[in-house]
Amino acid sequence: MKYVIIIARGSEAYWGSFPDVPGCVVGGDDLNEVAANAPVVLAAHLEGGSVPPARSLAEVLADREVADLLEGDEIFATVAYHAESVAVA
């Protein structure tokens, strides 16, 4: 299963959030750090709980609540989640 992550640049660092996993936020000094941290943070957030369904990027962007929060300079990626292992895609 792959979850969409929306990555934005803050004033001093980058941060990413998963629209389909409320409350799951990852940060890093640069994009590489966010990419490295994202699978670990996602797995930790989902560990032991219910796993919400993952939507495609098109479905996420069609979500009015998500679209209203976008500023136009975000980066979109997917992060694979498997109960036993994780990887950035």
C-alpha atoms as a PDB file:
ATOM      1  CA  MET A   1       0.000   0.000   0.000  1.00  0.00           C
ATOM      2  CA  LYS A   2       1.344   3.448  -0.898  1.00  0.00           C
ATOM      3  CA  TYR A   3       0.377   6.607   0.946  1.00  0.00           C
ATOM      4  CA  VAL A   4       0.639  10.059  -0.588  1.00  0.00           C
ATOM      5  CA  ILE A   5       2.876  12.440   1.320  1.00  0.00           C
ATOM      6  CA  ILE A   6       2.703  16.180   0.757  1.00  0.00           C
ATOM      7  CA  ILE A   7       6.047  17.855   1.416  1.00  0.00           C
ATOM      8  CA  ALA A   8       6.470  21.587   1.951  1.00  0.00           C
ATOM      9  CA  ARG A   9       9.366  23.815   2.829  1.00  0.00           C
ATOM     10  CA  GLY A  10       9.109  25.743   6.056  1.00  0.00           C
ATOM     11  CA  SER A  11      11.263  28.705   7.016  1.00  0.00           C
ATOM     12  CA  GLU A  12      14.133  26.492   8.209  1.00  0.00           C
ATOM     13  CA  ALA A  13      13.265  22.900   7.317  1.00  0.00           C
ATOM     14  CA  TYR A  14      11.009  20.625   5.300  1.00  0.00           C
ATOM     15  CA  TRP A  15       7.962  18.831   6.620  1.00  0.00           C
ATOM     16  CA  GLY A  16       5.583  16.306   5.183  1.00  0.00           C
ATOM     17  CA  SER A  17       2.118  15.104   6.047  1.00  0.00           C
ATOM     18  CA  PHE A  18       0.010  12.156   4.968  1.00  0.00           C
ATOM     19  CA  PRO A  19      -3.561  13.218   4.096  1.00  0.00           C
ATOM     20  CA  ASP A  20      -4.837   9.669   4.605  1.00  0.00           C
ATOM     21  CA  VAL A  21      -3.112   9.275   7.986  1.00  0.00           C
ATOM     22  CA  PRO A  22      -4.257  12.201  10.142  1.00  0.00           C
ATOM     23  CA  GLY A  23      -1.669  13.341  12.661  1.00  0.00           C
ATOM     24  CA  CYS A  24       1.243  11.640  10.906  1.00  0.00           C
ATOM     25  CA  VAL A  25       3.821  14.361  10.229  1.00  0.00           C
ATOM     26  CA  VAL A  26       7.513  14.044   9.386  1.00  0.00           C
ATOM     27  CA  GLY A  27      10.249  16.659   9.269  1.00  0.00           C
ATOM     28  CA  GLY A  28      13.815  17.062   8.153  1.00  0.00           C
ATOM     29  CA  ASP A  29      16.513  19.580   7.335  1.00  0.00           C
ATOM     30  CA  ASP A  30      16.280  18.714   3.625  1.00  0.00           C
ATOM     31  CA  LEU A  31      14.260  16.584   1.209  1.00  0.00           C
ATOM     32  CA  ASN A  32      16.589  13.609   1.610  1.00  0.00           C
ATOM     33  CA  GLU A  33      16.044  13.600   5.356  1.00  0.00           C
ATOM     34  CA  VAL A  34      12.263  13.775   4.944  1.00  0.00           C
ATOM     35  CA  ALA A  35      12.427  10.894   2.433  1.00  0.00           C
ATOM     36  CA  ALA A  36      14.526   8.825   4.838  1.00  0.00           C
ATOM     37  CA  ASN A  37      12.331   9.591   7.857  1.00  0.00           C
ATOM     38  CA  ALA A  38       8.927   9.233   6.178  1.00  0.00           C
ATOM     39  CA  PRO A  39       8.688   5.415   6.060  1.00  0.00           C
ATOM     40  CA  VAL A  40       9.870   5.091   9.651  1.00  0.00           C
ATOM     41  CA  VAL A  41       7.440   7.713  10.954  1.00  0.00           C
ATOM     42  CA  LEU A  42       4.555   6.246   8.930  1.00  0.00           C
ATOM     43  CA  ALA A  43       5.220   2.726  10.216  1.00  0.00           C
ATOM     44  CA  ALA A  44       5.503   3.935  13.815  1.00  0.00           C
ATOM     45  CA  HIS A  45       2.278   5.909  13.504  1.00  0.00           C
ATOM     46  CA  LEU A  46       0.350   2.932  12.113  1.00  0.00           C
ATOM     47  CA  GLU A  47       1.895   0.315  14.406  1.00  0.00           C
ATOM     48  CA  GLY A  48      -0.694  -1.517  16.449  1.00  0.00           C
ATOM     49  CA  GLY A  49      -3.614   0.508  15.138  1.00  0.00           C
ATOM     50  CA  SER A  50      -6.047   0.352  12.298  1.00  0.00           C
ATOM     51  CA  VAL A  51      -4.558   1.015   8.871  1.00  0.00           C
ATOM     52  CA  PRO A  52      -6.625   3.513   6.874  1.00  0.00           C
ATOM     53  CA  PRO A  53      -7.116   2.972   3.141  1.00  0.00           C
ATOM     54  CA  ALA A  54      -4.629   4.775   0.902  1.00  0.00           C
ATOM     55  CA  ARG A  55      -5.877   6.958  -1.943  1.00  0.00           C
ATOM     56  CA  SER A  56      -4.122   7.715  -5.211  1.00  0.00           C
ATOM     57  CA  LEU A  57      -2.552  11.128  -5.793  1.00  0.00           C
ATOM     58  CA  ALA A  58      -5.458  12.027  -8.088  1.00  0.00           C
ATOM     59  CA  GLU A  59      -7.954  11.133  -5.353  1.00  0.00           C
ATOM     60  CA  VAL A  60      -6.036  13.135  -2.748  1.00  0.00           C
ATOM     61  CA  LEU A  61      -5.848  16.195  -5.020  1.00  0.00           C
ATOM     62  CA  ALA A  62      -9.577  15.912  -5.779  1.00  0.00           C
ATOM     63  CA  ASP A  63     -10.312  16.134  -2.041  1.00  0.00           C
ATOM     64  CA  ARG A  64     -11.541  19.691  -1.463  1.00  0.00           C
ATOM     65  CA  GLU A  65     -10.228  19.770   2.121  1.00  0.00           C
ATOM     66  CA  VAL A  66      -6.719  18.910   0.906  1.00  0.00           C
ATOM     67  CA  ALA A  67      -6.857  21.229  -2.116  1.00  0.00           C
ATOM     68  CA  ASP A  68      -7.861  24.174   0.071  1.00  0.00           C
ATOM     69  CA  LEU A  69      -4.682  23.765   2.146  1.00  0.00           C
ATOM     70  CA  LEU A  70      -2.252  23.668  -0.776  1.00  0.00           C
ATOM     71  CA  GLU A  71      -0.183  26.746  -1.562  1.00  0.00           C
ATOM     72  CA  GLY A  72       1.170  25.585  -4.926  1.00  0.00           C
ATOM     73  CA  ASP A  73       4.806  24.829  -4.131  1.00  0.00           C
ATOM     74  CA  GLU A  74       4.382  21.458  -2.431  1.00  0.00           C
ATOM     75  CA  ILE A  75       6.088  18.259  -3.540  1.00  0.00           C
ATOM     76  CA  PHE A  76       4.044  15.066  -3.797  1.00  0.00           C
ATOM     77  CA  ALA A  77       5.435  11.568  -3.380  1.00  0.00           C
ATOM     78  CA  THR A  78       4.290   8.170  -2.192  1.00  0.00           C
ATOM     79  CA  VAL A  79       5.574   6.147   0.717  1.00  0.00           C
ATOM     80  CA  ALA A  80       5.042   2.398   0.703  1.00  0.00           C
ATOM     81  CA  TYR A  81       3.715   0.810   3.868  1.00  0.00           C
ATOM     82  CA  HIS A  82       3.893  -2.889   4.634  1.00  0.00           C
ATOM     83  CA  ALA A  83       3.207  -4.240   8.089  1.00  0.00           C
ATOM     84  CA  GLU A  84       6.649  -5.893   8.094  1.00  0.00           C
ATOM     85  CA  SER A  85       8.765  -3.363   6.148  1.00  0.00           C
ATOM     86  CA  VAL A  86       8.593   0.109   4.622  1.00  0.00           C
ATOM     87  CA  ALA A  87      10.210   1.897   1.679  1.00  0.00           C
ATOM     88  CA  VAL A  88       9.981   5.247  -0.106  1.00  0.00           C
ATOM     89  CA  ALA A  89       8.706   5.036  -3.679  1.00  0.00           C
END
